[in-house]
Amino acid sequence: MKKVLIPNFASIVAFASLFFVIACGDDNGTSPDSSETSFTVSSSGKKLSSSGSVSSSSEKRSSSSKALSSSSSAEFEYLTKSKKMKFTLKYYRQTVCSMDGKSKKNCNYDDGNPNVSFTIDFIQPGGSKTTFSTKESINKKWFEYDDLGEWEGELSFTTDVPALTSMIKVCPKVVDVDALFDDDVSSGDCFSKSNVGQLPNKEVVKQSDTRSGKYKLEWEWYLY
């Protein structure tokens, strides 16, 4: 005959108490653990967001660095600050027998009465410009002679060159002054120098105009 073990009353009470403790532990302990996990994730999320901000800030710094690098490169193309220009007319010569086109028996190449003037545009990368004119800013007769065949010397002026100037365009004008009317004998050409931000101080830029066929004109300028 098999023996059947019947637990006594004390064992049953102890077992029931243990089961109750375990059950209560699951109900009361899981929520705080779950809550703590949720908080940690949220906090981690904030850190990630903060880390994301740092990354964004790094990207901004990187972008700023690129912009600065680009700006550093661009400053060689345009002036980062205003400068002065010293401009000097060096030479004029009449290159036709008669400035007014009339035929003459004796050709001395000196019947012209030249009035020479210059318009200078200081142009920024965006296209805006500041203009200087010898006629308006100095004198309408800054350079004017009667019956002049050839002249060599130095006739100078100084003017301001605005910051951000990237190109300087020089436009000469030569007018043969007559008693009845003036004859514009200019070539109509302008002479430009770009990337002036790359020019060292006092580096001389020499330019000349012979395209009209009636005169030769030479000048030079530098920035400082």
Protein backbone atom coordinates (compact mmCIF):
# COMPACT_ATOMS: atom_id res chain seq x y z
CA MET A 1 0.00 0.00 0.00
CA LYS A 2 1.32 3.51 -1.02
CA LYS A 3 1.57 6.17 1.60
CA VAL A 4 -0.02 9.57 0.83
CA LEU A 5 1.65 12.57 2.46
CA ILE A 6 -0.85 15.10 3.68
CA PRO A 7 0.70 18.49 4.49
CA ASN A 8 -0.16 19.80 7.88
CA PHE A 9 -1.92 23.13 8.45
CA ALA A 10 1.32 25.04 9.20
CA SER A 11 2.86 24.08 5.86
CA ILE A 12 -0.24 25.19 4.00
CA VAL A 13 -0.18 28.60 5.76
CA ALA A 14 3.54 29.08 5.05
CA PHE A 15 3.07 28.22 1.37
CA ALA A 16 0.09 30.57 1.05
CA SER A 17 2.06 33.38 2.70
CA LEU A 18 5.01 32.89 0.31
CA PHE A 19 2.69 32.96 -2.71
CA PHE A 20 1.08 36.18 -1.44
CA VAL A 21 4.49 37.88 -0.98
CA ILE A 22 5.61 36.91 -4.47
CA ALA A 23 2.36 38.13 -5.99
CA CYS A 24 2.57 41.46 -4.16
CA GLY A 25 6.20 41.85 -5.08
CA ASP A 26 5.36 41.58 -8.80
CA ASP A 27 2.56 44.14 -8.56
CA ASN A 28 4.40 46.67 -6.44
CA GLY A 29 7.88 46.23 -7.83
CA THR A 30 7.33 46.17 -11.56
CA SER A 31 5.83 49.61 -11.83
CA PRO A 32 8.71 51.45 -10.17
CA ASP A 33 11.19 49.48 -12.29
CA SER A 34 9.18 50.24 -15.39
CA SER A 35 8.89 53.88 -14.36
CA GLU A 36 12.61 54.09 -13.75
CA THR A 37 13.33 52.55 -17.14
CA SER A 38 11.00 55.02 -18.83
CA PHE A 39 12.74 57.93 -17.09
CA THR A 40 16.14 56.64 -18.06
CA VAL A 41 15.10 56.35 -21.68
CA SER A 42 13.63 59.83 -21.56
CA SER A 43 16.81 61.14 -20.00
CA SER A 44 18.84 59.29 -22.57
CA GLY A 45 16.60 60.80 -25.19
CA LYS A 46 17.39 64.25 -23.84
CA LYS A 47 21.07 63.47 -23.91
CA LEU A 48 20.72 62.25 -27.47
CA SER A 49 18.82 65.39 -28.30
CA SER A 50 21.50 67.40 -26.54
CA SER A 51 24.11 65.37 -28.35
CA GLY A 52 22.17 66.07 -31.52
CA SER A 53 22.36 69.77 -30.75
CA VAL A 54 26.09 69.46 -30.29
CA SER A 55 26.29 67.68 -33.61
CA SER A 56 24.19 70.45 -35.16
CA SER A 57 26.41 73.01 -33.51
CA SER A 58 29.42 71.18 -34.89
CA GLU A 59 27.83 71.27 -38.30
CA LYS A 60 27.21 74.99 -37.84
CA ARG A 61 30.81 75.49 -36.79
CA SER A 62 31.91 73.42 -39.76
CA SER A 63 29.63 75.45 -42.01
CA SER A 64 30.91 78.65 -40.41
CA SER A 65 34.45 77.39 -40.94
CA LYS A 66 33.70 76.80 -44.61
CA ALA A 67 32.13 80.25 -44.88
CA LEU A 68 35.18 81.76 -43.21
CA SER A 69 37.43 79.83 -45.56
CA SER A 70 35.33 81.01 -48.49
CA SER A 71 35.47 84.56 -47.11
CA SER A 72 39.22 84.30 -46.72
CA SER A 73 39.46 83.21 -50.33
CA ALA A 74 37.06 85.94 -51.46
CA GLU A 75 39.01 88.68 -49.72
CA PHE A 76 41.74 88.16 -52.31
CA GLU A 77 39.22 89.10 -54.99
CA TYR A 78 37.86 92.27 -53.42
CA LEU A 79 39.13 94.84 -50.96
CA THR A 80 38.27 94.05 -47.35
CA LYS A 81 38.82 97.69 -46.42
CA SER A 82 38.90 101.01 -48.24
CA LYS A 83 42.15 102.17 -49.81
CA LYS A 84 43.57 105.13 -51.68
CA MET A 85 44.35 105.23 -55.39
CA LYS A 86 47.11 107.31 -56.88
CA PHE A 87 46.45 107.85 -60.57
CA THR A 88 48.98 109.42 -62.94
CA LEU A 89 48.67 110.45 -66.59
CA LYS A 90 52.08 109.84 -68.17
CA TYR A 91 51.92 110.42 -71.90
CA TYR A 92 49.87 111.88 -74.75
CA ARG A 93 50.68 111.97 -78.44
CA GLN A 94 48.64 112.84 -81.54
CA THR A 95 49.05 110.03 -84.08
CA VAL A 96 47.24 111.48 -87.12
CA CYS A 97 48.34 114.27 -89.41
CA SER A 98 45.19 116.28 -88.77
CA MET A 99 42.99 115.76 -85.74
CA ASP A 100 39.94 117.19 -87.52
CA GLY A 101 40.57 115.10 -90.64
CA LYS A 102 41.43 117.97 -92.96
CA SER A 103 44.28 117.41 -95.39
CA LYS A 104 47.29 119.65 -94.97
CA LYS A 105 50.41 120.27 -96.97
CA ASN A 106 52.58 120.48 -93.90
CA CYS A 107 51.80 117.74 -91.43
CA ASN A 108 53.18 118.35 -87.97
CA TYR A 109 50.80 116.09 -85.99
CA ASP A 110 50.09 118.94 -83.64
CA ASP A 111 46.90 120.69 -84.72
CA GLY A 112 44.79 119.11 -81.99
CA ASN A 113 43.60 120.84 -78.84
CA PRO A 114 43.20 117.81 -76.58
CA ASN A 115 41.10 117.80 -73.46
CA VAL A 116 41.76 114.53 -71.62
CA SER A 117 39.56 113.30 -68.80
CA PHE A 118 38.97 110.01 -66.99
CA THR A 119 35.98 108.29 -65.47
CA ILE A 120 36.83 105.50 -63.03
CA ASP A 121 34.30 102.93 -61.79
CA PHE A 122 34.97 101.03 -58.57
CA ILE A 123 32.82 97.92 -58.99
CA GLN A 124 31.73 95.46 -56.29
CA PRO A 125 31.09 91.72 -56.88
CA GLY A 126 27.32 92.29 -56.92
CA GLY A 127 27.64 94.91 -59.67
CA SER A 128 27.06 98.07 -57.64
CA LYS A 129 29.65 100.76 -58.27
CA THR A 130 31.06 104.08 -57.16
CA THR A 131 32.24 106.49 -59.87
CA PHE A 132 34.99 109.09 -59.86
CA SER A 133 35.36 111.66 -62.64
CA THR A 134 38.23 114.10 -63.15
CA LYS A 135 35.80 116.56 -64.75
CA GLU A 136 33.38 116.53 -61.84
CA SER A 137 35.77 115.97 -58.95
CA ILE A 138 38.84 117.94 -60.09
CA ASN A 139 38.50 120.26 -63.05
CA LYS A 140 36.90 120.20 -66.49
CA LYS A 141 40.23 121.39 -67.85
CA TRP A 142 42.36 119.01 -65.80
CA PHE A 143 44.37 118.28 -68.95
CA GLU A 144 43.77 120.70 -71.86
CA TYR A 145 46.27 122.22 -74.31
CA ASP A 146 46.16 124.07 -77.60
CA ASP A 147 48.01 122.72 -80.65
CA LEU A 148 49.59 119.89 -78.73
CA GLY A 149 51.38 117.17 -80.67
CA GLU A 150 53.06 115.32 -77.80
CA TRP A 151 53.24 115.58 -74.04
CA GLU A 152 55.17 113.55 -71.48
CA GLY A 153 55.17 114.12 -67.74
CA GLU A 154 53.22 113.29 -64.59
CA LEU A 155 49.78 114.67 -63.87
CA SER A 156 48.40 112.94 -60.78
CA PHE A 157 45.45 112.82 -58.44
CA THR A 158 44.46 110.71 -55.44
CA THR A 159 41.02 109.36 -54.67
CA ASP A 160 39.33 106.92 -52.30
CA VAL A 161 38.63 103.33 -53.30
CA PRO A 162 35.66 101.86 -51.37
CA ALA A 163 35.85 98.57 -49.49
CA LEU A 164 34.42 95.55 -51.39
CA THR A 165 35.78 96.85 -54.71
CA SER A 166 36.69 93.85 -56.86
CA MET A 167 37.17 95.57 -60.25
CA ILE A 168 38.46 98.96 -61.32
CA LYS A 169 37.40 100.20 -64.75
CA VAL A 170 39.15 103.21 -66.27
CA CYS A 171 37.45 105.01 -69.17
CA PRO A 172 39.53 107.73 -70.87
CA LYS A 173 37.93 110.48 -72.93
CA VAL A 174 39.78 112.66 -75.42
CA VAL A 175 38.03 115.68 -76.94
CA ASP A 176 39.50 117.93 -79.60
CA VAL A 177 38.41 121.38 -78.43
CA ASP A 178 37.47 123.83 -81.19
CA ALA A 179 36.07 127.34 -81.21
CA LEU A 180 32.83 126.32 -82.92
CA PHE A 181 32.28 122.79 -81.58
CA ASP A 182 34.18 120.07 -79.78
CA ASP A 183 34.98 116.79 -81.49
CA ASP A 184 35.00 113.65 -79.33
CA VAL A 185 37.83 111.55 -80.76
CA SER A 186 37.82 108.94 -77.97
CA SER A 187 38.08 105.25 -78.74
CA GLY A 188 35.11 104.63 -76.43
CA ASP A 189 36.97 101.77 -74.77
CA CYS A 190 37.38 101.19 -71.05
CA PHE A 191 40.23 99.31 -69.41
CA SER A 192 39.52 97.05 -66.47
CA LYS A 193 41.52 95.39 -63.76
CA SER A 194 39.75 92.59 -61.86
CA ASN A 195 40.55 90.86 -58.54
CA VAL A 196 42.04 94.07 -57.18
CA GLY A 197 42.01 92.55 -53.70
CA GLN A 198 45.03 90.56 -54.87
CA LEU A 199 47.03 93.68 -55.68
CA PRO A 200 49.84 94.39 -53.20
CA ASN A 201 50.05 97.96 -51.97
CA LYS A 202 51.78 100.27 -54.47
CA GLU A 203 51.97 97.67 -57.22
CA VAL A 204 51.76 99.78 -60.37
CA VAL A 205 49.13 98.96 -63.01
CA LYS A 206 50.07 100.42 -66.41
CA GLN A 207 47.39 101.00 -69.04
CA SER A 208 47.22 102.69 -72.44
CA ASP A 209 44.77 103.56 -75.20
CA THR A 210 45.67 103.64 -78.89
CA ARG A 211 42.47 102.20 -80.34
CA SER A 212 41.00 105.39 -81.74
CA GLY A 213 43.89 105.71 -84.18
CA LYS A 214 44.15 109.43 -83.46
CA TYR A 215 46.19 109.50 -80.29
CA LYS A 216 48.23 107.46 -77.89
CA LEU A 217 47.49 107.82 -74.19
CA GLU A 218 49.37 106.21 -71.30
CA TRP A 219 48.61 106.23 -67.58
CA GLU A 220 49.27 104.21 -64.46
CA TRP A 221 47.81 103.76 -61.00
CA TYR A 222 48.30 101.90 -57.76
CA LEU A 223 46.47 101.31 -54.50
CA TYR A 224 47.77 101.80 -50.98
